[in-house]
Amino acid sequence: MAVSGLAFVGFVVGHMYGNLKAFSGHDAFNEYAHHLRELGEPLLPHMGFIWIMRVGLLVALIVHVAAAVELTRRARQARPVQYVVKKHTGAIPASRLMRWGGLTLFLFIVWHLVNFTFGKVNVQGGETDDPYNLLVDTFDVWWMTLIYLVAMAMLGAHLHHGVWSSMQTLGLTGTAEARARVKTISFAIAILIAGGFSLVPIFVLAGVID
C-alpha cells in the first residue's frame, strides 16, 4: 500500500504541474497536452507514453485497493469484538477519512475520466479535441467546480495521512524528531498538491483563466 500510494503521489505532482500550464494560456496548455501524446517518439508509438502511464496507474490502483481490503480484513480478525468505549488516540482527522475518502476519490476519478478523457464533450454538448477549451468550459460551471474542489479536499486529507503512513511503514519515523519532520512534510505535500489543483478551477470560475 505504501509503495503504490507513493506512485500516485508522483503522478499527481506531475499532473498538477500540467494543470497549472493553464495560467500560461490556450496555446501553451494545448502544446503541453500535445507533447504528452508524442513523448518518446519514435521509440514509442503515438500516445505510447500515455498508455504506459495508464496501465501503470491501473496496476497501482489495483494493488492499492487490494492492500486496503487486506489490511481491513487483518484489522477485523485482530479485533473481532469492538471496543465498548472508543477513545480518541490522537490520530489526525484525516486518518478517519481514509476509507470514505478513498471511495470518494475513486468515484471522482471515474467522473474525471468520463469528462476529460473519454467523453471530451464541453458544456454546450459539442465534442471537442481542444484540451484548454474543455477545461475552461468545464470549470465555468459552478457545480462542476464544486465537485472538483470537494474531491481536492478529500485528496488533501488522503495525502496527509497516506504520506505519513507510508513513511511510517518504510521505517522513517523511528524517533520523535523524525515523526515530527514526517508529519510536517506530509501536511505540506497535502496542502501543496490539493491547493495547486484547486487554483485552476477557482481562477476559471473567477474569469481570470478564460
Protein backbone atom coordinates (compact mmCIF):
# COMPACT_ATOMS: atom_id res chain seq x y z
CA MET A 1 0.00 0.00 0.00
CA ALA A 2 2.84 2.39 0.86
CA VAL A 3 4.70 1.89 -2.44
CA SER A 4 1.58 2.08 -4.62
CA GLY A 5 0.49 5.18 -2.72
CA LEU A 6 3.83 6.90 -3.31
CA ALA A 7 3.49 6.09 -7.00
CA PHE A 8 0.22 8.04 -7.01
CA VAL A 9 1.90 10.94 -5.20
CA GLY A 10 4.45 11.15 -8.01
CA PHE A 11 1.69 11.08 -10.61
CA VAL A 12 -0.45 13.80 -9.02
CA VAL A 13 2.57 16.09 -8.69
CA GLY A 14 3.22 15.77 -12.43
CA HIS A 15 -0.49 16.13 -13.24
CA MET A 16 -0.75 19.24 -11.09
CA TYR A 17 2.20 20.80 -12.91
CA GLY A 18 0.47 20.15 -16.22
CA ASN A 19 -2.79 21.68 -14.99
CA LEU A 20 -1.00 24.85 -13.90
CA LYS A 21 0.06 25.34 -17.52
CA ALA A 22 -3.45 26.76 -17.97
CA PHE A 23 -2.14 30.01 -16.45
CA SER A 24 0.17 30.30 -19.48
CA GLY A 25 -2.78 30.48 -21.84
CA HIS A 26 -4.51 28.45 -24.53
CA ASP A 27 -1.55 27.69 -26.79
CA ALA A 28 0.91 26.78 -24.01
CA PHE A 29 -1.57 24.42 -22.35
CA ASN A 30 -2.51 22.69 -25.59
CA GLU A 31 1.13 22.40 -26.63
CA TYR A 32 1.87 20.64 -23.34
CA ALA A 33 -1.08 18.26 -23.85
CA HIS A 34 0.04 17.56 -27.41
CA HIS A 35 3.62 16.95 -26.27
CA LEU A 36 2.44 14.21 -23.89
CA ARG A 37 0.91 12.36 -26.82
CA GLU A 38 4.20 12.45 -28.73
CA LEU A 39 6.54 11.88 -25.79
CA GLY A 40 9.01 9.07 -26.52
CA GLU A 41 8.54 9.04 -30.29
CA PRO A 42 9.87 7.40 -32.38
CA LEU A 43 10.94 4.85 -29.76
CA LEU A 44 7.32 4.70 -28.59
CA PRO A 45 4.26 4.86 -30.82
CA HIS A 46 1.97 7.89 -30.79
CA MET A 47 0.23 8.03 -27.38
CA GLY A 48 2.60 5.28 -26.20
CA PHE A 49 3.79 7.16 -23.11
CA ILE A 50 0.23 7.98 -22.07
CA TRP A 51 -0.85 4.35 -22.39
CA ILE A 52 2.16 3.20 -20.37
CA MET A 53 1.12 5.66 -17.67
CA ARG A 54 -2.49 4.48 -17.79
CA VAL A 55 -1.54 0.82 -17.43
CA GLY A 56 0.91 1.62 -14.64
CA LEU A 57 -1.68 3.66 -12.76
CA LEU A 58 -4.29 0.93 -13.19
CA VAL A 59 -1.89 -1.66 -11.74
CA ALA A 60 -1.06 0.71 -8.85
CA LEU A 61 -4.78 1.25 -8.21
CA ILE A 62 -5.49 -2.49 -8.12
CA VAL A 63 -2.58 -3.05 -5.74
CA HIS A 64 -3.65 -0.12 -3.56
CA VAL A 65 -7.26 -1.26 -3.26
CA ALA A 66 -6.27 -4.89 -2.70
CA ALA A 67 -3.87 -3.83 0.04
CA ALA A 68 -6.57 -1.72 1.68
CA VAL A 69 -9.01 -4.64 1.66
CA GLU A 70 -6.39 -6.99 3.09
CA LEU A 71 -5.39 -4.57 5.85
CA THR A 72 -9.04 -4.09 6.78
CA ARG A 73 -9.54 -7.86 6.93
CA ARG A 74 -6.49 -8.29 9.17
CA ALA A 75 -7.63 -5.50 11.47
CA ARG A 76 -11.06 -7.10 11.90
CA GLN A 77 -9.51 -10.51 12.59
CA ALA A 78 -7.18 -9.00 15.17
CA ARG A 79 -10.10 -7.28 16.96
CA PRO A 80 -13.30 -9.28 16.29
CA VAL A 81 -15.11 -7.57 19.19
CA GLN A 82 -15.43 -3.80 19.05
CA TYR A 83 -14.32 -1.68 21.99
CA VAL A 84 -17.12 -0.71 24.39
CA VAL A 85 -15.63 2.76 24.63
CA LYS A 86 -13.58 4.02 21.73
CA LYS A 87 -11.20 6.75 22.84
CA HIS A 88 -9.58 9.32 20.61
CA THR A 89 -5.96 8.19 20.24
CA GLY A 90 -4.56 11.45 18.94
CA ALA A 91 -4.77 10.41 15.30
CA ILE A 92 -5.21 13.26 12.85
CA PRO A 93 -8.76 13.73 11.49
CA ALA A 94 -7.54 12.77 8.01
CA SER A 95 -6.83 9.24 9.25
CA ARG A 96 -10.53 8.73 9.99
CA LEU A 97 -11.44 9.75 6.44
CA MET A 98 -9.19 7.29 4.61
CA ARG A 99 -11.80 4.71 3.59
CA TRP A 100 -14.58 7.13 2.66
CA GLY A 101 -12.03 9.48 1.16
CA GLY A 102 -10.65 6.67 -0.98
CA LEU A 103 -14.14 5.79 -2.22
CA THR A 104 -14.85 9.46 -2.96
CA LEU A 105 -11.62 9.77 -4.92
CA PHE A 106 -12.39 6.61 -6.90
CA LEU A 107 -15.79 7.97 -7.94
CA PHE A 108 -14.18 11.29 -8.79
CA ILE A 109 -11.58 9.57 -10.98
CA VAL A 110 -14.37 7.85 -12.93
CA TRP A 111 -16.15 11.19 -13.43
CA HIS A 112 -12.87 12.90 -14.30
CA LEU A 113 -12.03 10.32 -16.98
CA VAL A 114 -15.53 10.47 -18.47
CA ASN A 115 -15.39 14.26 -18.59
CA PHE A 116 -11.82 14.93 -19.72
CA THR A 117 -10.53 11.74 -21.35
CA PHE A 118 -13.27 9.56 -22.82
CA GLY A 119 -16.14 11.94 -23.40
CA LYS A 120 -14.36 15.17 -24.39
CA VAL A 121 -17.73 16.90 -24.50
CA ASN A 122 -17.95 20.53 -23.45
CA VAL A 123 -20.84 22.03 -21.52
CA GLN A 124 -22.56 23.14 -24.70
CA GLY A 125 -22.85 19.47 -25.65
CA GLY A 126 -20.43 19.53 -28.58
CA GLU A 127 -17.40 17.31 -28.99
CA THR A 128 -14.02 18.96 -28.70
CA ASP A 129 -10.39 17.98 -29.13
CA ASP A 130 -9.20 21.22 -27.57
CA PRO A 131 -7.98 20.44 -24.01
CA TYR A 132 -7.83 24.08 -22.92
CA ASN A 133 -11.36 24.89 -24.08
CA LEU A 134 -12.66 21.71 -22.47
CA LEU A 135 -11.04 22.69 -19.18
CA VAL A 136 -12.42 26.24 -19.25
CA ASP A 137 -15.90 25.12 -20.34
CA THR A 138 -15.99 22.59 -17.51
CA PHE A 139 -14.97 24.93 -14.71
CA ASP A 140 -17.16 27.75 -15.97
CA VAL A 141 -19.98 25.69 -14.47
CA TRP A 142 -20.07 26.35 -10.73
CA TRP A 143 -21.34 22.92 -9.64
CA MET A 144 -18.65 21.11 -11.65
CA THR A 145 -16.05 23.31 -9.99
CA LEU A 146 -17.60 22.48 -6.62
CA ILE A 147 -17.34 18.74 -7.31
CA TYR A 148 -13.69 19.20 -8.22
CA LEU A 149 -12.89 21.27 -5.12
CA VAL A 150 -14.58 18.77 -2.79
CA ALA A 151 -12.56 15.99 -4.41
CA MET A 152 -9.37 18.02 -3.95
CA ALA A 153 -10.17 18.49 -0.25
CA MET A 154 -10.54 14.72 0.07
CA LEU A 155 -7.30 14.25 -1.87
CA GLY A 156 -5.52 16.57 0.55
CA ALA A 157 -6.81 14.61 3.54
CA HIS A 158 -5.89 11.32 1.89
CA LEU A 159 -2.38 12.55 1.12
CA HIS A 160 -1.88 13.99 4.60
CA HIS A 161 -2.44 10.67 6.33
CA GLY A 162 -1.26 8.49 3.44
CA VAL A 163 2.19 10.05 3.13
CA TRP A 164 2.63 9.87 6.89
CA SER A 165 1.56 6.21 6.98
CA SER A 166 3.79 5.25 4.06
CA MET A 167 6.81 6.85 5.71
CA GLN A 168 5.98 5.01 8.92
CA THR A 169 5.65 1.73 7.02
CA LEU A 170 9.02 2.29 5.38
CA GLY A 171 10.66 2.82 8.77
CA LEU A 172 11.29 6.56 8.52
CA THR A 173 9.53 7.58 11.75
CA GLY A 174 11.65 5.78 14.31
CA THR A 175 12.36 8.81 16.51
CA ALA A 176 10.26 11.66 17.85
CA GLU A 177 12.23 14.10 15.72
CA ALA A 178 11.69 12.00 12.60
CA ARG A 179 7.95 11.69 13.32
CA ALA A 180 7.60 15.44 13.70
CA ARG A 181 9.52 16.01 10.47
CA VAL A 182 7.43 13.50 8.52
CA LYS A 183 4.18 15.00 9.85
CA THR A 184 5.29 18.42 8.65
CA ILE A 185 6.30 17.04 5.25
CA SER A 186 3.05 15.10 4.80
CA PHE A 187 0.97 18.16 5.69
CA ALA A 188 3.00 20.37 3.32
CA ILE A 189 2.62 17.86 0.46
CA ALA A 190 -1.14 17.66 1.03
CA ILE A 191 -1.56 21.45 1.02
CA LEU A 192 0.73 21.92 -1.97
CA ILE A 193 -0.98 19.32 -4.17
CA ALA A 194 -4.61 19.92 -3.18
CA GLY A 195 -4.07 23.68 -3.31
CA GLY A 196 -2.24 23.52 -6.63
CA PHE A 197 -5.03 21.50 -8.24
CA SER A 198 -7.66 23.89 -6.85
CA LEU A 199 -6.11 27.04 -8.32
CA VAL A 200 -7.13 26.42 -11.94
CA PRO A 201 -10.88 25.78 -11.37
CA ILE A 202 -11.09 28.72 -8.95
CA PHE A 203 -9.44 31.10 -11.38
CA VAL A 204 -11.53 29.81 -14.28
CA LEU A 205 -14.73 30.39 -12.32
CA ALA A 206 -13.44 33.85 -11.36
CA GLY A 207 -12.86 34.67 -15.03
CA VAL A 208 -9.08 35.04 -14.75
CA ILE A 209 -8.50 31.99 -16.97
CA ASP A 210 -10.83 32.15 -19.96
